[in-house]
Amino acid sequence: MLRSTVQTILLRELAAVRRSVEAYPDDASLWRLPAGLPNAGGTLVLHIAGNLRHYVGRMLGGVPYERDREAEFARRDVARDALLAEIDAAHDAVEQSLATVSDDAIRAVFPERISGRAFATDDLLLHLASHLAYHLGQLDYHRRAVTGDGKSVGAVALTELPPARGGD
């Protein structure tokens, strides 16, 4: 059950990241950096995609990907279409990987040590979901600050979760 719930949440949040990127009026606004904000919207998108493609896609699903975390924070002026392609690749990696990973793998120790520590895979998956939601919120505020548009993109929509099993 955890696997399908985490998959639903990650895919829901990635869809909201995509809607957020589409809501920027142009490519340049994704890269504007107002005072006080640590990352531009484009940087957040590259980081979100790289993080999920590595930890979920590559490490759990065996989806080929070589992460360059430094480049996620160093690249600039990446076109919106390229950012959307990164989101789509992360979506596909998450969908494919979590659809095929075994329950035993979810209960096991994550196959890569992170910052010198071992983590339970299920704990790491929950962390990745909250990490994504955190950065989605940052992206939403960046878009609003840069564009002056307070309109919602429907992020973290409770209505996108499946109904209770056996409930109404």
N, C-alpha and C. Protein backbone atom coordinates (compact mmCIF):
# COMPACT_ATOMS: atom_id res chain seq x y z
N MET A 1 0.81 -1.20 0.00
CA MET A 1 0.00 0.00 0.00
C MET A 1 0.85 1.26 0.00
N LEU A 2 1.94 1.26 0.77
CA LEU A 2 2.79 2.44 0.82
C LEU A 2 3.30 2.78 -0.56
N ARG A 3 3.72 1.78 -1.31
CA ARG A 3 4.27 2.01 -2.64
C ARG A 3 3.27 2.76 -3.52
N SER A 4 2.02 2.29 -3.56
CA SER A 4 1.04 2.94 -4.44
C SER A 4 0.68 4.34 -3.93
N THR A 5 0.65 4.53 -2.62
CA THR A 5 0.35 5.85 -2.07
C THR A 5 1.47 6.84 -2.40
N VAL A 6 2.72 6.42 -2.20
CA VAL A 6 3.84 7.29 -2.52
C VAL A 6 3.87 7.58 -4.02
N GLN A 7 3.60 6.57 -4.83
CA GLN A 7 3.56 6.78 -6.28
C GLN A 7 2.50 7.81 -6.64
N THR A 8 1.32 7.69 -6.07
CA THR A 8 0.23 8.64 -6.33
C THR A 8 0.65 10.05 -5.95
N ILE A 9 1.25 10.20 -4.78
CA ILE A 9 1.63 11.53 -4.31
C ILE A 9 2.75 12.11 -5.16
N LEU A 10 3.78 11.32 -5.47
CA LEU A 10 4.87 11.83 -6.30
C LEU A 10 4.37 12.25 -7.67
N LEU A 11 3.52 11.44 -8.28
CA LEU A 11 3.00 11.78 -9.61
C LEU A 11 2.07 12.98 -9.55
N ARG A 12 1.29 13.10 -8.47
CA ARG A 12 0.42 14.26 -8.30
C ARG A 12 1.25 15.53 -8.21
N GLU A 13 2.31 15.50 -7.39
CA GLU A 13 3.14 16.68 -7.21
C GLU A 13 3.92 17.01 -8.48
N LEU A 14 4.39 16.00 -9.21
CA LEU A 14 5.07 16.26 -10.47
C LEU A 14 4.13 16.90 -11.49
N ALA A 15 2.87 16.50 -11.49
CA ALA A 15 1.89 17.13 -12.38
C ALA A 15 1.71 18.60 -12.00
N ALA A 16 1.75 18.91 -10.71
CA ALA A 16 1.64 20.30 -10.26
C ALA A 16 2.90 21.09 -10.60
N VAL A 17 4.06 20.45 -10.55
CA VAL A 17 5.30 21.12 -10.98
C VAL A 17 5.16 21.49 -12.45
N ARG A 18 4.65 20.56 -13.24
CA ARG A 18 4.46 20.83 -14.68
C ARG A 18 3.50 22.01 -14.88
N ARG A 19 2.36 22.01 -14.17
CA ARG A 19 1.41 23.12 -14.30
C ARG A 19 2.04 24.44 -13.87
N SER A 20 2.88 24.39 -12.85
CA SER A 20 3.57 25.61 -12.39
C SER A 20 4.48 26.16 -13.47
N VAL A 21 5.27 25.29 -14.08
CA VAL A 21 6.17 25.73 -15.15
C VAL A 21 5.37 26.31 -16.31
N GLU A 22 4.28 25.67 -16.66
CA GLU A 22 3.43 26.15 -17.75
C GLU A 22 2.79 27.50 -17.43
N ALA A 23 2.63 27.81 -16.13
CA ALA A 23 1.97 29.05 -15.72
C ALA A 23 2.91 30.26 -15.77
N TYR A 24 4.20 30.04 -15.89
CA TYR A 24 5.12 31.18 -16.08
C TYR A 24 4.85 31.77 -17.45
N PRO A 25 4.90 33.10 -17.59
CA PRO A 25 4.56 33.72 -18.87
C PRO A 25 5.61 33.51 -19.97
N ASP A 26 6.86 33.21 -19.57
CA ASP A 26 7.92 33.05 -20.57
C ASP A 26 9.10 32.31 -19.92
N ASP A 27 10.07 31.94 -20.75
CA ASP A 27 11.24 31.21 -20.26
C ASP A 27 12.04 32.05 -19.26
N ALA A 28 12.23 33.32 -19.56
CA ALA A 28 13.08 34.18 -18.73
C ALA A 28 12.58 34.29 -17.29
N SER A 29 11.27 34.32 -17.11
CA SER A 29 10.73 34.49 -15.75
C SER A 29 11.04 33.30 -14.85
N LEU A 30 11.25 32.14 -15.44
CA LEU A 30 11.64 30.96 -14.66
C LEU A 30 13.01 31.14 -14.02
N TRP A 31 13.81 32.03 -14.57
CA TRP A 31 15.19 32.20 -14.11
C TRP A 31 15.43 33.50 -13.36
N ARG A 32 14.40 34.34 -13.23
CA ARG A 32 14.56 35.56 -12.43
C ARG A 32 14.67 35.16 -10.97
N LEU A 33 15.49 35.90 -10.24
CA LEU A 33 15.71 35.57 -8.84
C LEU A 33 15.51 36.80 -7.97
N PRO A 34 14.29 36.95 -7.43
CA PRO A 34 14.04 38.09 -6.55
C PRO A 34 14.91 38.02 -5.29
N ALA A 35 15.21 39.16 -4.75
CA ALA A 35 16.00 39.22 -3.51
C ALA A 35 15.33 38.37 -2.43
N GLY A 36 16.15 37.65 -1.71
CA GLY A 36 15.66 36.84 -0.60
C GLY A 36 15.30 35.41 -0.96
N LEU A 37 15.19 35.10 -2.25
CA LEU A 37 14.89 33.73 -2.65
C LEU A 37 16.19 33.03 -3.04
N PRO A 38 16.43 31.82 -2.52
CA PRO A 38 17.71 31.16 -2.78
C PRO A 38 17.81 30.49 -4.16
N ASN A 39 16.68 30.15 -4.76
CA ASN A 39 16.71 29.43 -6.03
C ASN A 39 15.65 29.97 -7.00
N ALA A 40 16.03 30.04 -8.27
CA ALA A 40 15.07 30.37 -9.31
C ALA A 40 14.16 29.17 -9.56
N GLY A 41 13.02 29.41 -10.18
CA GLY A 41 12.10 28.33 -10.49
C GLY A 41 12.74 27.24 -11.34
N GLY A 42 13.52 27.63 -12.33
CA GLY A 42 14.19 26.65 -13.18
C GLY A 42 15.14 25.76 -12.40
N THR A 43 15.85 26.33 -11.44
CA THR A 43 16.75 25.55 -10.59
C THR A 43 15.96 24.52 -9.79
N LEU A 44 14.84 24.94 -9.23
CA LEU A 44 14.02 24.01 -8.46
C LEU A 44 13.54 22.85 -9.33
N VAL A 45 13.15 23.14 -10.56
CA VAL A 45 12.68 22.09 -11.46
C VAL A 45 13.80 21.10 -11.77
N LEU A 46 14.98 21.61 -12.08
CA LEU A 46 16.11 20.72 -12.38
C LEU A 46 16.44 19.84 -11.17
N HIS A 47 16.39 20.42 -9.99
CA HIS A 47 16.69 19.67 -8.76
C HIS A 47 15.62 18.62 -8.48
N ILE A 48 14.38 18.98 -8.59
CA ILE A 48 13.28 18.03 -8.37
C ILE A 48 13.41 16.84 -9.32
N ALA A 49 13.60 17.13 -10.60
CA ALA A 49 13.68 16.06 -11.60
C ALA A 49 14.91 15.19 -11.36
N GLY A 50 16.05 15.81 -11.12
CA GLY A 50 17.28 15.03 -10.90
C GLY A 50 17.19 14.16 -9.67
N ASN A 51 16.63 14.69 -8.61
CA ASN A 51 16.48 13.95 -7.37
C ASN A 51 15.62 12.70 -7.56
N LEU A 52 14.47 12.85 -8.19
CA LEU A 52 13.56 11.71 -8.38
C LEU A 52 14.09 10.72 -9.42
N ARG A 53 14.69 11.24 -10.47
CA ARG A 53 15.24 10.34 -11.48
C ARG A 53 16.35 9.48 -10.89
N HIS A 54 17.13 10.06 -9.99
CA HIS A 54 18.21 9.28 -9.37
C HIS A 54 17.69 8.29 -8.33
N TYR A 55 17.02 8.83 -7.30
CA TYR A 55 16.66 7.98 -6.16
C TYR A 55 15.56 6.99 -6.47
N VAL A 56 14.56 7.39 -7.21
CA VAL A 56 13.46 6.47 -7.51
C VAL A 56 13.73 5.72 -8.81
N GLY A 57 13.99 6.49 -9.88
CA GLY A 57 14.18 5.86 -11.18
C GLY A 57 15.39 4.95 -11.25
N ARG A 58 16.55 5.49 -10.97
CA ARG A 58 17.78 4.71 -11.11
C ARG A 58 17.97 3.71 -9.98
N MET A 59 17.89 4.18 -8.74
CA MET A 59 18.22 3.31 -7.61
C MET A 59 17.17 2.25 -7.33
N LEU A 60 15.91 2.56 -7.51
CA LEU A 60 14.86 1.56 -7.25
C LEU A 60 14.41 0.85 -8.51
N GLY A 61 14.34 1.55 -9.62
CA GLY A 61 13.79 0.97 -10.83
C GLY A 61 14.79 0.56 -11.88
N GLY A 62 16.06 0.91 -11.68
CA GLY A 62 17.07 0.57 -12.66
C GLY A 62 16.96 1.35 -13.96
N VAL A 63 16.26 2.49 -13.92
CA VAL A 63 16.12 3.34 -15.11
C VAL A 63 17.45 4.08 -15.30
N PRO A 64 18.08 3.96 -16.46
CA PRO A 64 19.38 4.61 -16.66
C PRO A 64 19.30 6.12 -16.46
N TYR A 65 20.23 6.65 -15.65
CA TYR A 65 20.31 8.08 -15.41
C TYR A 65 21.59 8.36 -14.65
N GLU A 66 22.33 9.36 -15.07
CA GLU A 66 23.52 9.81 -14.35
C GLU A 66 23.23 11.20 -13.80
N ARG A 67 23.14 11.29 -12.50
CA ARG A 67 22.82 12.57 -11.87
C ARG A 67 24.04 13.46 -11.78
N ASP A 68 23.84 14.74 -12.02
CA ASP A 68 24.85 15.76 -11.82
C ASP A 68 24.21 16.82 -10.92
N ARG A 69 24.25 16.58 -9.62
CA ARG A 69 23.57 17.45 -8.66
C ARG A 69 24.10 18.88 -8.73
N GLU A 70 25.41 19.03 -8.89
CA GLU A 70 25.98 20.38 -8.99
C GLU A 70 25.38 21.14 -10.17
N ALA A 71 25.18 20.47 -11.29
CA ALA A 71 24.61 21.13 -12.47
C ALA A 71 23.15 21.52 -12.23
N GLU A 72 22.44 20.78 -11.39
CA GLU A 72 21.05 21.13 -11.08
C GLU A 72 20.99 22.55 -10.52
N PHE A 73 22.01 22.93 -9.77
CA PHE A 73 22.03 24.25 -9.13
C PHE A 73 22.85 25.27 -9.90
N ALA A 74 23.65 24.81 -10.86
CA ALA A 74 24.52 25.74 -11.60
C ALA A 74 23.97 26.14 -12.97
N ARG A 75 23.17 25.29 -13.60
CA ARG A 75 22.67 25.60 -14.94
C ARG A 75 21.73 26.80 -14.88
N ARG A 76 21.71 27.56 -15.96
CA ARG A 76 20.85 28.73 -16.05
C ARG A 76 20.24 28.81 -17.45
N ASP A 77 19.15 29.52 -17.53
CA ASP A 77 18.50 29.84 -18.80
C ASP A 77 18.14 28.61 -19.63
N VAL A 78 17.77 27.53 -18.95
CA VAL A 78 17.27 26.34 -19.63
C VAL A 78 15.85 26.68 -20.10
N ALA A 79 15.56 26.39 -21.35
CA ALA A 79 14.24 26.71 -21.91
C ALA A 79 13.13 25.92 -21.21
N ARG A 80 11.97 26.53 -21.19
CA ARG A 80 10.81 25.89 -20.56
C ARG A 80 10.53 24.50 -21.14
N ASP A 81 10.62 24.35 -22.45
CA ASP A 81 10.38 23.04 -23.06
C ASP A 81 11.35 21.98 -22.53
N ALA A 82 12.60 22.37 -22.32
CA ALA A 82 13.59 21.43 -21.77
C ALA A 82 13.26 21.10 -20.31
N LEU A 83 12.80 22.09 -19.56
CA LEU A 83 12.40 21.84 -18.17
C LEU A 83 11.19 20.90 -18.12
N LEU A 84 10.24 21.12 -19.01
CA LEU A 84 9.06 20.23 -19.06
C LEU A 84 9.49 18.81 -19.43
N ALA A 85 10.47 18.67 -20.32
CA ALA A 85 10.97 17.34 -20.68
C ALA A 85 11.62 16.66 -19.47
N GLU A 86 12.31 17.44 -18.63
CA GLU A 86 12.91 16.88 -17.41
C GLU A 86 11.81 16.40 -16.45
N ILE A 87 10.76 17.19 -16.32
CA ILE A 87 9.64 16.78 -15.46
C ILE A 87 9.00 15.50 -16.00
N ASP A 88 8.80 15.44 -17.29
CA ASP A 88 8.20 14.26 -17.90
C ASP A 88 9.08 13.03 -17.71
N ALA A 89 10.39 13.20 -17.83
CA ALA A 89 11.31 12.07 -17.62
C ALA A 89 11.25 11.60 -16.17
N ALA A 90 11.16 12.54 -15.22
CA ALA A 90 11.03 12.17 -13.82
C ALA A 90 9.71 11.44 -13.57
N HIS A 91 8.64 11.95 -14.17
CA HIS A 91 7.33 11.31 -14.05
C HIS A 91 7.39 9.87 -14.55
N ASP A 92 7.96 9.67 -15.73
CA ASP A 92 8.05 8.33 -16.31
C ASP A 92 8.91 7.41 -15.44
N ALA A 93 10.02 7.93 -14.90
CA ALA A 93 10.90 7.12 -14.06
C ALA A 93 10.19 6.71 -12.77
N VAL A 94 9.46 7.63 -12.16
CA VAL A 94 8.72 7.31 -10.93
C VAL A 94 7.63 6.30 -11.24
N GLU A 95 6.85 6.55 -12.28
CA GLU A 95 5.74 5.66 -12.63
C GLU A 95 6.24 4.24 -12.92
N GLN A 96 7.25 4.14 -13.75
CA GLN A 96 7.79 2.83 -14.13
C GLN A 96 8.42 2.12 -12.92
N SER A 97 9.19 2.83 -12.15
CA SER A 97 9.93 2.22 -11.04
C SER A 97 9.01 1.75 -9.92
N LEU A 98 8.09 2.60 -9.52
CA LEU A 98 7.22 2.22 -8.40
C LEU A 98 6.15 1.22 -8.81
N ALA A 99 5.90 1.09 -10.10
CA ALA A 99 4.97 0.07 -10.57
C ALA A 99 5.61 -1.31 -10.56
N THR A 100 6.93 -1.36 -10.60
CA THR A 100 7.61 -2.66 -10.73
C THR A 100 8.45 -3.06 -9.52
N VAL A 101 8.79 -2.13 -8.64
CA VAL A 101 9.62 -2.48 -7.49
C VAL A 101 8.84 -3.40 -6.55
N SER A 102 9.52 -4.38 -5.99
CA SER A 102 8.85 -5.36 -5.14
C SER A 102 8.58 -4.81 -3.74
N ASP A 103 7.61 -5.42 -3.08
CA ASP A 103 7.32 -5.05 -1.70
C ASP A 103 8.52 -5.33 -0.81
N ASP A 104 9.26 -6.41 -1.12
CA ASP A 104 10.47 -6.72 -0.34
C ASP A 104 11.49 -5.60 -0.47
N ALA A 105 11.64 -5.04 -1.68
CA ALA A 105 12.58 -3.93 -1.88
C ALA A 105 12.13 -2.69 -1.12
N ILE A 106 10.85 -2.47 -1.03
CA ILE A 106 10.33 -1.32 -0.28
C ILE A 106 10.63 -1.47 1.21
N ARG A 107 10.59 -2.70 1.70
CA ARG A 107 10.85 -2.97 3.13
C ARG A 107 12.34 -3.06 3.44
N ALA A 108 13.19 -3.13 2.43
CA ALA A 108 14.63 -3.34 2.61
C ALA A 108 15.35 -2.01 2.85
N VAL A 109 16.65 -2.14 3.09
CA VAL A 109 17.51 -0.97 3.20
C VAL A 109 17.69 -0.40 1.80
N PHE A 110 17.63 0.92 1.67
CA PHE A 110 17.79 1.58 0.37
C PHE A 110 19.16 1.19 -0.20
N PRO A 111 19.24 0.95 -1.51
CA PRO A 111 20.47 0.41 -2.10
C PRO A 111 21.66 1.37 -2.16
N GLU A 112 21.51 2.60 -1.74
CA GLU A 112 22.63 3.55 -1.75
C GLU A 112 22.69 4.26 -0.41
N ARG A 113 23.88 4.38 0.13
CA ARG A 113 24.06 5.18 1.34
C ARG A 113 24.00 6.66 0.95
N ILE A 114 23.38 7.46 1.78
CA ILE A 114 23.23 8.89 1.51
C ILE A 114 23.86 9.64 2.67
N SER A 115 24.80 10.50 2.35
CA SER A 115 25.55 11.23 3.39
C SER A 115 26.15 10.26 4.40
N GLY A 116 26.61 9.11 3.89
CA GLY A 116 27.25 8.12 4.75
C GLY A 116 26.32 7.28 5.59
N ARG A 117 25.02 7.41 5.38
CA ARG A 117 24.05 6.68 6.21
C ARG A 117 23.19 5.75 5.37
N ALA A 118 22.79 4.67 6.01
CA ALA A 118 21.83 3.75 5.40
C ALA A 118 20.43 4.17 5.86
N PHE A 119 19.46 4.03 4.95
CA PHE A 119 18.07 4.37 5.27
C PHE A 119 17.17 3.23 4.84
N ALA A 120 16.06 3.06 5.54
CA ALA A 120 15.03 2.13 5.10
C ALA A 120 14.38 2.74 3.85
N THR A 121 14.14 1.92 2.85
CA THR A 121 13.57 2.41 1.60
C THR A 121 12.23 3.07 1.81
N ASP A 122 11.38 2.48 2.63
CA ASP A 122 10.06 3.09 2.85
C ASP A 122 10.18 4.46 3.51
N ASP A 123 11.12 4.60 4.44
CA ASP A 123 11.34 5.91 5.07
C ASP A 123 11.85 6.92 4.04
N LEU A 124 12.77 6.48 3.19
CA LEU A 124 13.32 7.39 2.18
C LEU A 124 12.24 7.81 1.19
N LEU A 125 11.37 6.89 0.80
CA LEU A 125 10.28 7.25 -0.12
C LEU A 125 9.37 8.32 0.48
N LEU A 126 9.06 8.19 1.76
CA LEU A 126 8.25 9.22 2.42
C LEU A 126 9.01 10.55 2.47
N HIS A 127 10.31 10.48 2.73
CA HIS A 127 11.12 11.70 2.71
C HIS A 127 11.10 12.34 1.32
N LEU A 128 11.24 11.54 0.27
CA LEU A 128 11.24 12.07 -1.10
C LEU A 128 9.92 12.75 -1.43
N ALA A 129 8.83 12.20 -0.94
CA ALA A 129 7.52 12.82 -1.18
C ALA A 129 7.43 14.18 -0.48
N SER A 130 7.92 14.26 0.76
CA SER A 130 7.85 15.55 1.47
C SER A 130 8.87 16.53 0.89
N HIS A 131 10.02 16.04 0.46
CA HIS A 131 11.03 16.88 -0.20
C HIS A 131 10.45 17.51 -1.47
N LEU A 132 9.75 16.71 -2.25
CA LEU A 132 9.12 17.21 -3.48
C LEU A 132 8.06 18.26 -3.15
N ALA A 133 7.23 17.98 -2.16
CA ALA A 133 6.18 18.95 -1.79
C ALA A 133 6.79 20.26 -1.29
N TYR A 134 7.89 20.17 -0.55
CA TYR A 134 8.59 21.37 -0.07
C TYR A 134 9.04 22.23 -1.25
N HIS A 135 9.70 21.60 -2.22
CA HIS A 135 10.19 22.36 -3.37
C HIS A 135 9.06 22.81 -4.29
N LEU A 136 7.99 22.07 -4.35
CA LEU A 136 6.82 22.51 -5.12
C LEU A 136 6.27 23.80 -4.52
N GLY A 137 6.22 23.89 -3.20
CA GLY A 137 5.79 25.11 -2.54
C GLY A 137 6.71 26.28 -2.86
N GLN A 138 8.01 26.02 -2.85
CA GLN A 138 8.97 27.06 -3.21
C GLN A 138 8.75 27.53 -4.65
N LEU A 139 8.53 26.57 -5.54
CA LEU A 139 8.29 26.90 -6.95
C LEU A 139 7.03 27.75 -7.09
N ASP A 140 5.99 27.40 -6.37
CA ASP A 140 4.74 28.14 -6.44
C ASP A 140 4.94 29.58 -5.96
N TYR A 141 5.66 29.76 -4.85
CA TYR A 141 5.91 31.11 -4.36
C TYR A 141 6.83 31.88 -5.29
N HIS A 142 7.82 31.20 -5.88
CA HIS A 142 8.70 31.87 -6.84
C HIS A 142 7.87 32.41 -8.01
N ARG A 143 7.01 31.56 -8.56
CA ARG A 143 6.18 31.99 -9.71
C ARG A 143 5.32 33.18 -9.33
N ARG A 144 4.71 33.13 -8.18
CA ARG A 144 3.84 34.22 -7.75
C ARG A 144 4.63 35.51 -7.54
N ALA A 145 5.84 35.40 -6.95
CA ALA A 145 6.67 36.58 -6.70
C ALA A 145 7.17 37.20 -7.99
N VAL A 146 7.56 36.36 -8.93
CA VAL A 146 8.14 36.84 -10.18
C VAL A 146 7.07 37.41 -11.11
N THR A 147 5.91 36.77 -11.15
CA THR A 147 4.88 37.17 -12.12
C THR A 147 3.83 38.11 -11.54
N GLY A 148 3.70 38.14 -10.21
CA GLY A 148 2.63 38.92 -9.60
C GLY A 148 1.28 38.25 -9.73
N ASP A 149 1.26 37.02 -10.23
CA ASP A 149 0.02 36.27 -10.44
C ASP A 149 -0.20 35.34 -9.24
N GLY A 150 -1.21 35.62 -8.45
CA GLY A 150 -1.51 34.82 -7.28
C GLY A 150 -2.37 33.61 -7.55
N LYS A 151 -2.70 33.36 -8.82
CA LYS A 151 -3.58 32.26 -9.18
C LYS A 151 -2.95 30.91 -8.81
N SER A 152 -3.75 30.03 -8.27
CA SER A 152 -3.31 28.69 -7.89
C SER A 152 -3.17 27.79 -9.12
N VAL A 153 -2.23 26.85 -9.03
CA VAL A 153 -2.13 25.81 -10.06
C VAL A 153 -2.67 24.48 -9.54
N GLY A 154 -3.33 24.54 -8.39
CA GLY A 154 -3.95 23.33 -7.82
C GLY A 154 -2.95 22.35 -7.24
N ALA A 155 -1.88 22.86 -6.65
CA ALA A 155 -0.85 22.00 -6.06
C ALA A 155 -1.37 21.28 -4.82
N VAL A 156 -0.89 20.10 -4.59
CA VAL A 156 -1.17 19.28 -3.42
C VAL A 156 -2.68 19.14 -3.20
N ALA A 157 -3.38 18.83 -4.27
CA ALA A 157 -4.84 18.73 -4.21
C ALA A 157 -5.28 17.42 -3.57
N LEU A 158 -5.97 17.54 -2.47
CA LEU A 158 -6.49 16.37 -1.77
C LEU A 158 -7.42 15.55 -2.66
N THR A 159 -8.13 16.22 -3.53
CA THR A 159 -9.08 15.54 -4.41
C THR A 159 -8.39 14.63 -5.43
N GLU A 160 -7.09 14.74 -5.59
CA GLU A 160 -6.37 13.88 -6.52
C GLU A 160 -5.91 12.57 -5.87
N LEU A 161 -6.16 12.42 -4.58
CA LEU A 161 -5.88 11.13 -3.94
C LEU A 161 -7.02 10.18 -4.20
N PRO A 162 -6.73 8.89 -4.25
CA PRO A 162 -7.83 7.93 -4.48
C PRO A 162 -8.76 7.88 -3.27
N PRO A 163 -10.02 7.51 -3.50
CA PRO A 163 -10.95 7.40 -2.36
C PRO A 163 -10.54 6.23 -1.45
N ALA A 164 -11.08 6.25 -0.26
CA ALA A 164 -10.77 5.19 0.72
C ALA A 164 -11.17 3.83 0.15
N ARG A 165 -10.36 2.87 0.46
CA ARG A 165 -10.68 1.49 0.04
C ARG A 165 -11.90 1.01 0.81
N GLY A 166 -12.92 0.62 0.12
CA GLY A 166 -14.13 0.15 0.77
C GLY A 166 -14.99 1.26 1.34
N GLY A 167 -14.59 2.51 1.15
CA GLY A 167 -15.38 3.64 1.65
C GLY A 167 -16.22 4.23 0.52
N ASP A 168 -16.91 5.31 0.85
CA ASP A 168 -17.71 5.95 -0.21
C ASP A 168 -17.21 7.30 -0.57
